[in-house]
Amino acid sequence: MEIDNRSLYGWWGLNSIVVNGRVQRSNEKNDIKTYDRLTLIIKCDHQQIELEHHRTKRLLQLSIDITICPFPWKIVVELPTYGDCVYIIQ
């Protein structure tokens, strides 16, 4: 099975973003620790996703190019540590 990576958008930690399937690293500190609370906000009308890291009060935003990544969007979450979990609240 072949996957079209150009449709991947998001974050790997707080120091790497993924746009069109390409990772762009920054010099920012990752800063995600066990039991941190993160909120993923999907703004379809604005073609944008946001990641809020509550402990550090950081809000990361990414615009989605819907000509490359059209609706419906697929959500992928990487959980690097055994026992990590995701809660869908709303």
Protein backbone atom coordinates (compact mmCIF):
# COMPACT_ATOMS: atom_id res chain seq x y z
CA MET A 1 0.00 0.00 0.00
CA GLU A 2 1.37 3.40 -0.97
CA ILE A 3 0.65 6.51 1.10
CA ASP A 4 0.64 10.04 -0.33
CA ASN A 5 2.77 11.87 2.27
CA ARG A 6 1.98 15.29 0.76
CA SER A 7 -1.26 15.19 2.72
CA LEU A 8 0.55 15.04 6.09
CA TYR A 9 0.36 18.16 8.25
CA GLY A 10 1.02 18.43 11.98
CA TRP A 11 3.72 18.33 14.62
CA TRP A 12 6.35 15.95 15.92
CA GLY A 13 6.79 17.30 19.41
CA LEU A 14 6.87 21.07 19.75
CA ASN A 15 10.06 21.54 17.77
CA SER A 16 9.16 19.99 14.41
CA ILE A 17 6.31 20.73 12.05
CA VAL A 18 5.15 18.61 9.13
CA VAL A 19 3.91 20.45 6.04
CA ASN A 20 3.12 18.61 2.80
CA GLY A 21 4.79 15.52 4.30
CA ARG A 22 8.09 17.31 4.89
CA VAL A 23 9.49 17.78 8.39
CA GLN A 24 10.77 21.24 9.27
CA ARG A 25 12.78 21.33 12.50
CA SER A 26 13.28 24.42 14.61
CA ASN A 27 15.66 25.29 17.43
CA GLU A 28 12.75 25.41 19.88
CA LYS A 29 12.87 23.07 22.86
CA ASN A 30 10.46 20.11 22.56
CA ASP A 31 9.22 20.45 26.16
CA ILE A 32 6.51 17.75 26.04
CA LYS A 33 6.58 15.71 29.24
CA THR A 34 4.57 12.82 30.63
CA TYR A 35 1.07 13.90 31.76
CA ASP A 36 1.17 17.15 29.76
CA ARG A 37 -2.17 18.23 28.38
CA LEU A 38 -2.38 19.15 24.70
CA THR A 39 -5.38 20.33 22.73
CA LEU A 40 -5.71 19.84 18.98
CA ILE A 41 -8.07 22.37 17.39
CA ILE A 42 -9.30 21.70 13.85
CA LYS A 43 -10.63 24.78 12.04
CA CYS A 44 -11.97 23.42 8.77
CA ASP A 45 -13.57 26.73 7.71
CA HIS A 46 -10.18 28.46 8.04
CA GLN A 47 -8.14 25.52 6.64
CA GLN A 48 -6.05 25.55 9.81
CA ILE A 49 -5.04 23.29 12.69
CA GLU A 50 -3.73 24.40 16.06
CA LEU A 51 -1.91 22.62 18.86
CA GLU A 52 -2.13 24.09 22.35
CA HIS A 53 0.38 22.99 25.00
CA HIS A 54 -1.19 23.96 28.31
CA ARG A 55 1.82 23.77 30.66
CA THR A 56 4.01 26.05 28.54
CA LYS A 57 1.05 28.08 27.25
CA ARG A 58 2.23 27.68 23.65
CA LEU A 59 -0.19 27.76 20.74
CA LEU A 60 1.14 26.40 17.43
CA GLN A 61 -0.77 27.02 14.21
CA LEU A 62 -0.56 25.49 10.74
CA SER A 63 -2.43 26.47 7.60
CA ILE A 64 -3.53 23.58 5.41
CA ASP A 65 -3.33 23.84 1.63
CA ILE A 66 -6.62 22.19 0.65
CA THR A 67 -5.50 21.89 -2.98
CA ILE A 68 -2.88 19.40 -1.74
CA CYS A 69 -4.76 18.08 1.30
CA PRO A 70 -8.48 18.25 0.46
CA PHE A 71 -11.34 17.33 2.76
CA PRO A 72 -12.01 14.97 4.43
CA TRP A 73 -8.87 15.31 6.54
CA LYS A 74 -7.42 12.26 8.23
CA ILE A 75 -6.05 12.63 11.75
CA VAL A 76 -2.88 10.79 12.77
CA VAL A 77 -1.57 10.84 16.36
CA GLU A 78 1.80 9.41 17.33
CA LEU A 79 2.00 8.16 20.90
CA PRO A 80 5.68 7.54 21.60
CA THR A 81 5.46 6.15 25.14
CA TYR A 82 3.66 3.01 26.27
CA GLY A 83 0.52 4.00 28.18
CA ASP A 84 0.05 7.35 26.42
CA CYS A 85 -3.53 8.02 25.43
CA VAL A 86 -5.77 10.43 23.55
CA TYR A 87 -9.17 11.65 24.74
CA ILE A 88 -11.63 13.10 22.26
CA ILE A 89 -13.59 15.65 24.24
CA GLN A 90 -15.64 17.41 21.61
